[in-house]
PDB file of N, CA and C in Angstrom:
ATOM      1  N   UNK A   1     -10.656 -13.050  -1.370  1.00  0.00           N
ATOM      2  CA  UNK A   1     -10.950 -12.667  -2.731  1.00  0.00           C
ATOM      3  C   UNK A   1     -10.629 -11.185  -2.916  1.00  0.00           C
ATOM      4  N   UNK A   2      -9.921 -10.851  -3.951  1.00  0.00           N
ATOM      5  CA  UNK A   2      -9.528  -9.472  -4.241  1.00  0.00           C
ATOM      6  C   UNK A   2     -10.634  -8.745  -4.983  1.00  0.00           C
ATOM      7  N   UNK A   3     -10.831  -7.489  -4.616  1.00  0.00           N
ATOM      8  CA  UNK A   3     -11.778  -6.648  -5.314  1.00  0.00           C
ATOM      9  C   UNK A   3     -11.116  -5.971  -6.501  1.00  0.00           C
ATOM     10  N   UNK A   4     -11.898  -5.233  -7.263  1.00  0.00           N
ATOM     11  CA  UNK A   4     -11.400  -4.583  -8.476  1.00  0.00           C
ATOM     12  C   UNK A   4     -10.317  -3.548  -8.171  1.00  0.00           C
ATOM     13  N   UNK A   5     -10.488  -2.782  -7.105  1.00  0.00           N
ATOM     14  CA  UNK A   5      -9.498  -1.751  -6.769  1.00  0.00           C
ATOM     15  C   UNK A   5      -8.206  -2.407  -6.310  1.00  0.00           C
ATOM     16  N   UNK A   6      -8.307  -3.403  -5.439  1.00  0.00           N
ATOM     17  CA  UNK A   6      -7.118  -4.114  -4.969  1.00  0.00           C
ATOM     18  C   UNK A   6      -6.356  -4.741  -6.140  1.00  0.00           C
ATOM     19  N   UNK A   7      -7.087  -5.319  -7.071  1.00  0.00           N
ATOM     20  CA  UNK A   7      -6.465  -5.923  -8.253  1.00  0.00           C
ATOM     21  C   UNK A   7      -5.766  -4.865  -9.101  1.00  0.00           C
ATOM     22  N   UNK A   8      -6.407  -3.721  -9.297  1.00  0.00           N
ATOM     23  CA  UNK A   8      -5.808  -2.641 -10.090  1.00  0.00           C
ATOM     24  C   UNK A   8      -4.535  -2.123  -9.439  1.00  0.00           C
ATOM     25  N   UNK A   9      -4.573  -1.928  -8.118  1.00  0.00           N
ATOM     26  CA  UNK A   9      -3.393  -1.453  -7.394  1.00  0.00           C
ATOM     27  C   UNK A   9      -2.249  -2.449  -7.551  1.00  0.00           C
ATOM     28  N   UNK A  10      -2.542  -3.716  -7.365  1.00  0.00           N
ATOM     29  CA  UNK A  10      -1.519  -4.761  -7.477  1.00  0.00           C
ATOM     30  C   UNK A  10      -0.906  -4.775  -8.872  1.00  0.00           C
ATOM     31  N   UNK A  11      -1.727  -4.722  -9.889  1.00  0.00           N
ATOM     32  CA  UNK A  11      -1.221  -4.753 -11.279  1.00  0.00           C
ATOM     33  C   UNK A  11      -0.356  -3.541 -11.597  1.00  0.00           C
ATOM     34  N   UNK A  12      -0.806  -2.371 -11.178  1.00  0.00           N
ATOM     35  CA  UNK A  12      -0.038  -1.156 -11.464  1.00  0.00           C
ATOM     36  C   UNK A  12       1.323  -1.183 -10.778  1.00  0.00           C
ATOM     37  N   UNK A  13       1.344  -1.545  -9.500  1.00  0.00           N
ATOM     38  CA  UNK A  13       2.604  -1.586  -8.757  1.00  0.00           C
ATOM     39  C   UNK A  13       3.553  -2.633  -9.334  1.00  0.00           C
ATOM     40  N   UNK A  14       3.029  -3.798  -9.665  1.00  0.00           N
ATOM     41  CA  UNK A  14       3.867  -4.857 -10.236  1.00  0.00           C
ATOM     42  C   UNK A  14       4.449  -4.430 -11.577  1.00  0.00           C
ATOM     43  N   UNK A  15       3.657  -3.770 -12.386  1.00  0.00           N
ATOM     44  CA  UNK A  15       4.120  -3.339 -13.701  1.00  0.00           C
ATOM     45  C   UNK A  15       5.128  -2.213 -13.656  1.00  0.00           C
ATOM     46  N   UNK A  16       4.958  -1.307 -12.716  1.00  0.00           N
ATOM     47  CA  UNK A  16       5.817  -0.123 -12.668  1.00  0.00           C
ATOM     48  C   UNK A  16       7.132  -0.349 -11.929  1.00  0.00           C
ATOM     49  N   UNK A  17       7.123  -1.202 -10.908  1.00  0.00           N
ATOM     50  CA  UNK A  17       8.295  -1.318 -10.050  1.00  0.00           C
ATOM     51  C   UNK A  17       8.983  -2.682 -10.073  1.00  0.00           C
ATOM     52  N   UNK A  18       8.421  -3.653 -10.770  1.00  0.00           N
ATOM     53  CA  UNK A  18       8.992  -5.012 -10.818  1.00  0.00           C
ATOM     54  C   UNK A  18       9.457  -5.460  -9.431  1.00  0.00           C
ATOM     55  N   UNK A  19       8.552  -5.475  -8.456  1.00  0.00           N
ATOM     56  CA  UNK A  19       8.957  -5.765  -7.082  1.00  0.00           C
ATOM     57  C   UNK A  19       9.354  -7.224  -6.866  1.00  0.00           C
ATOM     58  N   UNK A  20      10.278  -7.413  -5.920  1.00  0.00           N
ATOM     59  CA  UNK A  20      10.623  -8.771  -5.507  1.00  0.00           C
ATOM     60  C   UNK A  20       9.636  -9.256  -4.446  1.00  0.00           C
ATOM     61  N   UNK A  21       8.990  -8.330  -3.756  1.00  0.00           N
ATOM     62  CA  UNK A  21       7.926  -8.623  -2.791  1.00  0.00           C
ATOM     63  C   UNK A  21       6.838  -7.569  -2.976  1.00  0.00           C
ATOM     64  N   UNK A  22       5.589  -8.033  -2.955  1.00  0.00           N
ATOM     65  CA  UNK A  22       4.478  -7.106  -3.063  1.00  0.00           C
ATOM     66  C   UNK A  22       3.282  -7.674  -2.313  1.00  0.00           C
ATOM     67  N   UNK A  23       2.762  -6.890  -1.401  1.00  0.00           N
ATOM     68  CA  UNK A  23       1.537  -7.249  -0.697  1.00  0.00           C
ATOM     69  C   UNK A  23       0.621  -6.035  -0.698  1.00  0.00           C
ATOM     70  N   UNK A  24      -0.604  -6.245  -1.152  1.00  0.00           N
ATOM     71  CA  UNK A  24      -1.621  -5.207  -1.133  1.00  0.00           C
ATOM     72  C   UNK A  24      -2.761  -5.758  -0.288  1.00  0.00           C
ATOM     73  N   UNK A  25      -3.017  -5.101   0.831  1.00  0.00           N
ATOM     74  CA  UNK A  25      -4.032  -5.594   1.765  1.00  0.00           C
ATOM     75  C   UNK A  25      -5.153  -4.580   1.916  1.00  0.00           C
ATOM     76  N   UNK A  26      -6.370  -5.018   1.620  1.00  0.00           N
ATOM     77  CA  UNK A  26      -7.546  -4.181   1.826  1.00  0.00           C
ATOM     78  C   UNK A  26      -7.867  -4.206   3.316  1.00  0.00           C
ATOM     79  N   UNK A  27      -7.688  -3.079   3.983  1.00  0.00           N
ATOM     80  CA  UNK A  27      -7.944  -2.977   5.417  1.00  0.00           C
ATOM     81  C   UNK A  27      -9.213  -2.170   5.713  1.00  0.00           C
ATOM     82  N   UNK A  28     -10.066  -2.040   4.724  1.00  0.00           N
ATOM     83  CA  UNK A  28     -11.262  -1.206   4.852  1.00  0.00           C
ATOM     84  C   UNK A  28     -12.190  -1.669   5.965  1.00  0.00           C
ATOM     85  N   UNK A  29     -12.308  -2.971   6.168  1.00  0.00           N
ATOM     86  CA  UNK A  29     -13.215  -3.479   7.188  1.00  0.00           C
ATOM     87  C   UNK A  29     -12.730  -3.201   8.605  1.00  0.00           C
ATOM     88  N   UNK A  30     -11.495  -2.726   8.752  1.00  0.00           N
ATOM     89  CA  UNK A  30     -10.978  -2.339  10.065  1.00  0.00           C
ATOM     90  C   UNK A  30     -11.374  -0.907  10.414  1.00  0.00           C
ATOM     91  N   UNK A  31     -12.098  -0.252   9.510  1.00  0.00           N
ATOM     92  CA  UNK A  31     -12.485   1.148   9.677  1.00  0.00           C
ATOM     93  C   UNK A  31     -13.996   1.275   9.585  1.00  0.00           C
ATOM     94  N   UNK A  32     -14.513   2.409   9.953  1.00  0.00           N
ATOM     95  CA  UNK A  32     -15.951   2.651   9.919  1.00  0.00           C
ATOM     96  C   UNK A  32     -16.450   2.642   8.481  1.00  0.00           C
ATOM     97  N   UNK A  33     -17.661   2.161   8.313  1.00  0.00           N
ATOM     98  CA  UNK A  33     -18.284   2.165   6.994  1.00  0.00           C
ATOM     99  C   UNK A  33     -18.846   0.803   6.643  1.00  0.00           C
ATOM    100  N   UNK A  34     -19.535   0.731   5.518  1.00  0.00           N
ATOM    101  CA  UNK A  34     -20.158  -0.535   5.118  1.00  0.00           C
ATOM    102  C   UNK A  34     -19.117  -1.594   4.734  1.00  0.00           C
ATOM    103  N   UNK A  35     -19.484  -2.843   4.950  1.00  0.00           N
ATOM    104  CA  UNK A  35     -18.607  -3.952   4.600  1.00  0.00           C
ATOM    105  C   UNK A  35     -18.465  -4.063   3.078  1.00  0.00           C
ATOM    106  N   UNK A  36     -17.337  -4.600   2.650  1.00  0.00           N
ATOM    107  CA  UNK A  36     -17.130  -4.860   1.238  1.00  0.00           C
ATOM    108  C   UNK A  36     -16.564  -3.701   0.439  1.00  0.00           C
ATOM    109  N   UNK A  37     -16.328  -2.574   1.084  1.00  0.00           N
ATOM    110  CA  UNK A  37     -15.801  -1.434   0.323  1.00  0.00           C
ATOM    111  C   UNK A  37     -14.287  -1.571   0.165  1.00  0.00           C
ATOM    112  N   UNK A  38     -13.727  -0.755  -0.698  1.00  0.00           N
ATOM    113  CA  UNK A  38     -12.285  -0.732  -0.950  1.00  0.00           C
ATOM    114  C   UNK A  38     -11.806   0.709  -0.800  1.00  0.00           C
ATOM    115  N   UNK A  39     -11.563   1.101   0.449  1.00  0.00           N
ATOM    116  CA  UNK A  39     -11.216   2.491   0.717  1.00  0.00           C
ATOM    117  C   UNK A  39      -9.910   2.668   1.476  1.00  0.00           C
ATOM    118  N   UNK A  40      -9.452   1.642   2.172  1.00  0.00           N
ATOM    119  CA  UNK A  40      -8.233   1.707   2.988  1.00  0.00           C
ATOM    120  C   UNK A  40      -7.323   0.544   2.614  1.00  0.00           C
ATOM    121  N   UNK A  41      -6.088   0.849   2.224  1.00  0.00           N
ATOM    122  CA  UNK A  41      -5.159  -0.198   1.808  1.00  0.00           C
ATOM    123  C   UNK A  41      -3.799  -0.040   2.466  1.00  0.00           C
ATOM    124  N   UNK A  42      -3.166  -1.166   2.678  1.00  0.00           N
ATOM    125  CA  UNK A  42      -1.766  -1.197   3.106  1.00  0.00           C
ATOM    126  C   UNK A  42      -0.981  -1.854   1.983  1.00  0.00           C
ATOM    127  N   UNK A  43       0.088  -1.183   1.560  1.00  0.00           N
ATOM    128  CA  UNK A  43       0.948  -1.685   0.491  1.00  0.00           C
ATOM    129  C   UNK A  43       2.352  -1.888   1.062  1.00  0.00           C
ATOM    130  N   UNK A  44       2.873  -3.068   0.874  1.00  0.00           N
ATOM    131  CA  UNK A  44       4.276  -3.350   1.185  1.00  0.00           C
ATOM    132  C   UNK A  44       4.919  -3.732  -0.140  1.00  0.00           C
ATOM    133  N   UNK A  45       5.876  -2.938  -0.569  1.00  0.00           N
ATOM    134  CA  UNK A  45       6.520  -3.160  -1.854  1.00  0.00           C
ATOM    135  C   UNK A  45       8.034  -3.083  -1.690  1.00  0.00           C
ATOM    136  N   UNK A  46       8.699  -4.105  -2.200  1.00  0.00           N
ATOM    137  CA  UNK A  46      10.158  -4.193  -2.130  1.00  0.00           C
ATOM    138  C   UNK A  46      10.670  -4.209  -3.560  1.00  0.00           C
ATOM    139  N   UNK A  47      11.479  -3.215  -3.903  1.00  0.00           N
ATOM    140  CA  UNK A  47      11.940  -3.097  -5.282  1.00  0.00           C
ATOM    141  C   UNK A  47      13.322  -2.456  -5.360  1.00  0.00           C
ATOM    142  N   UNK A  48      14.139  -2.984  -6.252  1.00  0.00           N
ATOM    143  CA  UNK A  48      15.449  -2.374  -6.520  1.00  0.00           C
ATOM    144  C   UNK A  48      15.281  -0.989  -7.135  1.00  0.00           C
ATOM    145  N   UNK A  49      14.116  -0.707  -7.699  1.00  0.00           N
ATOM    146  CA  UNK A  49      13.847   0.603  -8.299  1.00  0.00           C
ATOM    147  C   UNK A  49      13.894   1.725  -7.261  1.00  0.00           C
ATOM    148  N   UNK A  50      13.779   1.395  -5.987  1.00  0.00           N
ATOM    149  CA  UNK A  50      13.804   2.405  -4.927  1.00  0.00           C
ATOM    150  C   UNK A  50      15.211   2.757  -4.463  1.00  0.00           C
ATOM    151  N   UNK A  51      16.212   2.068  -4.973  1.00  0.00           N
ATOM    152  CA  UNK A  51      17.593   2.342  -4.561  1.00  0.00           C
ATOM    153  C   UNK A  51      17.946   3.794  -4.870  1.00  0.00           C
ATOM    154  N   UNK A  52      18.542   4.467  -3.906  1.00  0.00           N
ATOM    155  CA  UNK A  52      18.956   5.857  -4.084  1.00  0.00           C
ATOM    156  C   UNK A  52      17.848   6.870  -3.926  1.00  0.00           C
ATOM    157  N   UNK A  53      16.630   6.414  -3.657  1.00  0.00           N
ATOM    158  CA  UNK A  53      15.505   7.341  -3.471  1.00  0.00           C
ATOM    159  C   UNK A  53      15.209   7.515  -1.988  1.00  0.00           C
ATOM    160  N   UNK A  54      14.807   8.710  -1.619  1.00  0.00           N
ATOM    161  CA  UNK A  54      14.369   8.950  -0.249  1.00  0.00           C
ATOM    162  C   UNK A  54      12.987   8.327  -0.054  1.00  0.00           C
ATOM    163  N   UNK A  55      12.595   8.210   1.206  1.00  0.00           N
ATOM    164  CA  UNK A  55      11.271   7.686   1.512  1.00  0.00           C
ATOM    165  C   UNK A  55      10.183   8.553   0.878  1.00  0.00           C
ATOM    166  N   UNK A  56      10.370   9.857   0.905  1.00  0.00           N
ATOM    167  CA  UNK A  56       9.400  10.774   0.303  1.00  0.00           C
ATOM    168  C   UNK A  56       9.300  10.533  -1.203  1.00  0.00           C
ATOM    169  N   UNK A  57      10.427  10.355  -1.875  1.00  0.00           N
ATOM    170  CA  UNK A  57      10.409  10.093  -3.317  1.00  0.00           C
ATOM    171  C   UNK A  57       9.682   8.785  -3.635  1.00  0.00           C
ATOM    172  N   UNK A  58       9.892   7.779  -2.828  1.00  0.00           N
ATOM    173  CA  UNK A  58       9.221   6.486  -3.040  1.00  0.00           C
ATOM    174  C   UNK A  58       7.714   6.623  -2.870  1.00  0.00           C
ATOM    175  N   UNK A  59       7.308   7.304  -1.812  1.00  0.00           N
ATOM    176  CA  UNK A  59       5.872   7.492  -1.567  1.00  0.00           C
ATOM    177  C   UNK A  59       5.238   8.331  -2.673  1.00  0.00           C
ATOM    178  N   UNK A  60       5.933   9.364  -3.113  1.00  0.00           N
ATOM    179  CA  UNK A  60       5.397  10.175  -4.219  1.00  0.00           C
ATOM    180  C   UNK A  60       5.215   9.339  -5.475  1.00  0.00           C
ATOM    181  N   UNK A  61       6.176   8.488  -5.777  1.00  0.00           N
ATOM    182  CA  UNK A  61       6.087   7.643  -6.971  1.00  0.00           C
ATOM    183  C   UNK A  61       4.882   6.708  -6.890  1.00  0.00           C
ATOM    184  N   UNK A  62       4.668   6.104  -5.735  1.00  0.00           N
ATOM    185  CA  UNK A  62       3.520   5.205  -5.559  1.00  0.00           C
ATOM    186  C   UNK A  62       2.219   6.000  -5.635  1.00  0.00           C
ATOM    187  N   UNK A  63       2.154   7.132  -4.948  1.00  0.00           N
ATOM    188  CA  UNK A  63       0.943   7.950  -4.976  1.00  0.00           C
ATOM    189  C   UNK A  63       0.621   8.463  -6.380  1.00  0.00           C
ATOM    190  N   UNK A  64       1.624   8.865  -7.132  1.00  0.00           N
ATOM    191  CA  UNK A  64       1.393   9.324  -8.511  1.00  0.00           C
ATOM    192  C   UNK A  64       0.868   8.186  -9.378  1.00  0.00           C
ATOM    193  N   UNK A  65       1.437   7.000  -9.212  1.00  0.00           N
ATOM    194  CA  UNK A  65       0.998   5.844  -9.987  1.00  0.00           C
ATOM    195  C   UNK A  65      -0.459   5.495  -9.681  1.00  0.00           C
ATOM    196  N   UNK A  66      -0.855   5.667  -8.428  1.00  0.00           N
ATOM    197  CA  UNK A  66      -2.200   5.291  -7.987  1.00  0.00           C
ATOM    198  C   UNK A  66      -3.141   6.495  -7.889  1.00  0.00           C
ATOM    199  N   UNK A  67      -2.839   7.564  -8.593  1.00  0.00           N
ATOM    200  CA  UNK A  67      -3.642   8.792  -8.535  1.00  0.00           C
ATOM    201  C   UNK A  67      -5.113   8.540  -8.875  1.00  0.00           C
ATOM    202  N   UNK A  68      -5.381   7.733  -9.873  1.00  0.00           N
ATOM    203  CA  UNK A  68      -6.776   7.471 -10.265  1.00  0.00           C
ATOM    204  C   UNK A  68      -7.540   6.781  -9.142  1.00  0.00           C
ATOM    205  N   UNK A  69      -6.911   5.829  -8.480  1.00  0.00           N
ATOM    206  CA  UNK A  69      -7.562   5.117  -7.377  1.00  0.00           C
ATOM    207  C   UNK A  69      -7.786   6.049  -6.175  1.00  0.00           C
ATOM    208  N   UNK A  70      -6.815   6.916  -5.918  1.00  0.00           N
ATOM    209  CA  UNK A  70      -6.930   7.856  -4.806  1.00  0.00           C
ATOM    210  C   UNK A  70      -8.027   8.891  -5.066  1.00  0.00           C
ATOM    211  N   UNK A  71      -8.234   9.251  -6.312  1.00  0.00           N
ATOM    212  CA  UNK A  71      -9.288  10.211  -6.659  1.00  0.00           C
ATOM    213  C   UNK A  71     -10.657   9.548  -6.723  1.00  0.00           C
ATOM    214  N   UNK A  72     -10.683   8.223  -6.901  1.00  0.00           N
ATOM    215  CA  UNK A  72     -11.948   7.517  -7.103  1.00  0.00           C
ATOM    216  C   UNK A  72     -12.458   6.797  -5.857  1.00  0.00           C
ATOM    217  N   UNK A  73     -11.918   7.099  -4.684  1.00  0.00           N
ATOM    218  CA  UNK A  73     -12.507   6.506  -3.487  1.00  0.00           C
ATOM    219  C   UNK A  73     -11.556   5.852  -2.514  1.00  0.00           C
ATOM    220  N   UNK A  74     -10.307   5.659  -2.886  1.00  0.00           N
ATOM    221  CA  UNK A  74      -9.354   5.150  -1.909  1.00  0.00           C
ATOM    222  C   UNK A  74      -9.067   6.300  -0.949  1.00  0.00           C
ATOM    223  N   UNK A  75      -9.452   6.100   0.279  1.00  0.00           N
ATOM    224  CA  UNK A  75      -9.382   7.155   1.291  1.00  0.00           C
ATOM    225  C   UNK A  75      -8.033   7.169   2.011  1.00  0.00           C
ATOM    226  N   UNK A  76      -7.434   5.992   2.187  1.00  0.00           N
ATOM    227  CA  UNK A  76      -6.176   5.896   2.940  1.00  0.00           C
ATOM    228  C   UNK A  76      -5.275   4.850   2.301  1.00  0.00           C
ATOM    229  N   UNK A  77      -4.001   5.197   2.211  1.00  0.00           N
ATOM    230  CA  UNK A  77      -3.015   4.294   1.618  1.00  0.00           C
ATOM    231  C   UNK A  77      -1.764   4.309   2.490  1.00  0.00           C
ATOM    232  N   UNK A  78      -1.529   3.202   3.172  1.00  0.00           N
ATOM    233  CA  UNK A  78      -0.324   3.032   3.979  1.00  0.00           C
ATOM    234  C   UNK A  78       0.719   2.370   3.091  1.00  0.00           C
ATOM    235  N   UNK A  79       1.912   2.959   3.029  1.00  0.00           N
ATOM    236  CA  UNK A  79       2.946   2.466   2.111  1.00  0.00           C
ATOM    237  C   UNK A  79       4.223   2.146   2.878  1.00  0.00           C
ATOM    238  N   UNK A  80       4.716   0.931   2.681  1.00  0.00           N
ATOM    239  CA  UNK A  80       6.064   0.543   3.093  1.00  0.00           C
ATOM    240  C   UNK A  80       6.810   0.251   1.802  1.00  0.00           C
ATOM    241  N   UNK A  81       7.667   1.151   1.390  1.00  0.00           N
ATOM    242  CA  UNK A  81       8.426   1.020   0.144  1.00  0.00           C
ATOM    243  C   UNK A  81       9.899   0.844   0.491  1.00  0.00           C
ATOM    244  N   UNK A  82      10.420  -0.339   0.233  1.00  0.00           N
ATOM    245  CA  UNK A  82      11.760  -0.704   0.664  1.00  0.00           C
ATOM    246  C   UNK A  82      12.609  -1.228  -0.483  1.00  0.00           C
ATOM    247  N   UNK A  83      13.916  -1.090  -0.319  1.00  0.00           N
ATOM    248  CA  UNK A  83      14.841  -1.766  -1.234  1.00  0.00           C
ATOM    249  C   UNK A  83      14.997  -3.210  -0.758  1.00  0.00           C
ATOM    250  N   UNK A  84      15.491  -4.103  -1.607  1.00  0.00           N
ATOM    251  CA  UNK A  84      15.717  -5.478  -1.156  1.00  0.00           C
ATOM    252  C   UNK A  84      16.652  -5.563   0.052  1.00  0.00           C
ATOM    253  N   UNK A  85      17.623  -4.678   0.115  1.00  0.00           N
ATOM    254  CA  UNK A  85      18.557  -4.680   1.249  1.00  0.00           C
ATOM    255  C   UNK A  85      17.851  -4.277   2.553  1.00  0.00           C
ATOM    256  N   UNK A  86      16.982  -3.292   2.468  1.00  0.00           N
ATOM    257  CA  UNK A  86      16.227  -2.867   3.649  1.00  0.00           C
ATOM    258  C   UNK A  86      15.283  -3.979   4.112  1.00  0.00           C
ATOM    259  N   UNK A  87      14.666  -4.640   3.161  1.00  0.00           N
ATOM    260  CA  UNK A  87      13.758  -5.747   3.462  1.00  0.00           C
ATOM    261  C   UNK A  87      14.514  -6.878   4.162  1.00  0.00           C
ATOM    262  N   UNK A  88      15.689  -7.204   3.651  1.00  0.00           N
ATOM    263  CA  UNK A  88      16.502  -8.261   4.252  1.00  0.00           C
ATOM    264  C   UNK A  88      16.946  -7.864   5.664  1.00  0.00           C
ATOM    265  N   UNK A  89      17.343  -6.603   5.840  1.00  0.00           N
ATOM    266  CA  UNK A  89      17.781  -6.135   7.149  1.00  0.00           C
ATOM    267  C   UNK A  89      16.649  -6.191   8.172  1.00  0.00           C
ATOM    268  N   UNK A  90      15.436  -6.089   7.696  1.00  0.00           N
ATOM    269  CA  UNK A  90      14.253  -6.161   8.546  1.00  0.00           C
ATOM    270  C   UNK A  90      13.811  -7.602   8.794  1.00  0.00           C
ATOM    271  N   UNK A  91      14.494  -8.522   8.142  1.00  0.00           N
ATOM    272  CA  UNK A  91      14.113  -9.925   8.281  1.00  0.00           C
ATOM    273  C   UNK A  91      12.827 -10.272   7.573  1.00  0.00           C
ATOM    274  N   UNK A  92      12.489  -9.500   6.547  1.00  0.00           N
ATOM    275  CA  UNK A  92      11.267  -9.766   5.785  1.00  0.00           C
ATOM    276  C   UNK A  92       9.990  -9.508   6.570  1.00  0.00           C
ATOM    277  N   UNK A  93      10.054  -8.604   7.526  1.00  0.00           N
ATOM    278  CA  UNK A  93       8.899  -8.312   8.382  1.00  0.00           C
ATOM    279  C   UNK A  93       8.271  -6.966   8.020  1.00  0.00           C
ATOM    280  N   UNK A  94       6.947  -6.923   8.048  1.00  0.00           N
ATOM    281  CA  UNK A  94       6.242  -5.663   7.834  1.00  0.00           C
ATOM    282  C   UNK A  94       5.971  -5.007   9.182  1.00  0.00           C
ATOM    283  N   UNK A  95       5.685  -3.739   9.148  1.00  0.00           N
ATOM    284  CA  UNK A  95       5.335  -3.016  10.365  1.00  0.00           C
ATOM    285  C   UNK A  95       3.873  -3.290  10.715  1.00  0.00           C
ATOM    286  N   UNK A  96       3.544  -3.337  11.994  1.00  0.00           N
ATOM    287  CA  UNK A  96       2.134  -3.556  12.365  1.00  0.00           C
ATOM    288  C   UNK A  96       1.284  -2.350  11.985  1.00  0.00           C
ATOM    289  N   UNK A  97       0.043  -2.623  11.646  1.00  0.00           N
ATOM    290  CA  UNK A  97      -0.887  -1.557  11.317  1.00  0.00           C
ATOM    291  C   UNK A  97      -1.547  -1.072  12.609  1.00  0.00           C
ATOM    292  N   UNK A  98      -1.488   0.232  12.878  1.00  0.00           N
ATOM    293  CA  UNK A  98      -2.131   0.739  14.098  1.00  0.00           C
ATOM    294  C   UNK A  98      -3.656   0.585  14.008  1.00  0.00           C
ATOM    295  N   UNK A  99      -4.296   0.466  15.145  1.00  0.00           N
ATOM    296  CA  UNK A  99      -5.747   0.357  15.187  1.00  0.00           C
ATOM    297  C   UNK A  99      -6.386   1.668  14.750  1.00  0.00           C
ATOM    298  N   UNK A 100      -7.524   1.563  14.087  1.00  0.00           N
ATOM    299  CA  UNK A 100      -8.270   2.739  13.667  1.00  0.00           C
ATOM    300  C   UNK A 100      -8.851   3.436  14.888  1.00  0.00           C
ATOM    301  N   UNK A 101      -8.699   4.751  14.951  1.00  0.00           N
ATOM    302  CA  UNK A 101      -9.249   5.530  16.053  1.00  0.00           C
ATOM    303  C   UNK A 101     -10.270   6.542  15.563  1.00  0.00           C
ATOM    304  N   UNK A 102     -10.628   6.474  14.299  1.00  0.00           N
ATOM    305  CA  UNK A 102     -11.544   7.451  13.729  1.00  0.00           C
ATOM    306  C   UNK A 102     -12.971   6.971  13.679  1.00  0.00           C
ATOM    307  N   UNK A 103     -13.857   7.900  13.350  1.00  0.00           N
ATOM    308  CA  UNK A 103     -15.264   7.586  13.148  1.00  0.00           C
ATOM    309  C   UNK A 103     -15.888   6.885  14.333  1.00  0.00           C
ATOM    310  N   UNK A 104     -16.651   5.841  14.064  1.00  0.00           N
ATOM    311  CA  UNK A 104     -17.365   5.123  15.117  1.00  0.00           C
ATOM    312  C   UNK A 104     -16.478   4.166  15.895  1.00  0.00           C
ATOM    313  N   UNK A 105     -15.206   4.077  15.562  1.00  0.00           N
ATOM    314  CA  UNK A 105     -14.277   3.179  16.253  1.00  0.00           C
ATOM    315  C   UNK A 105     -13.846   3.749  17.598  1.00  0.00           C
ATOM    316  N   UNK A 106     -14.103   5.026  17.861  1.00  0.00           N
ATOM    317  CA  UNK A 106     -13.681   5.660  19.132  1.00  0.00           C
ATOM    318  C   UNK A 106     -14.531   5.241  20.284  1.00  0.00           C
TER     319      UNK A 106
END
């Protein structure tokens, strides 16, 4: 079940970038803190809108779009922003998420 923040992130990204692939994963429970929060997310977005942009430009665009969420409690945002060609070259695979080493997880 998606929470309000996850839903907002998904809607904003879908509206702004018209992605061919979009996955927004709440990874908050993999980190220290109370269950049920929405503070850590992984975003995988594949869009033709990223063509000709550097990785930094893509991340800036996503971060600017999600500024309200980042200011309101989203603590960490992992972004994989790819063109359709990059996604195909990768075989439609996402990168693994590293284990949390912060807080009480150490």
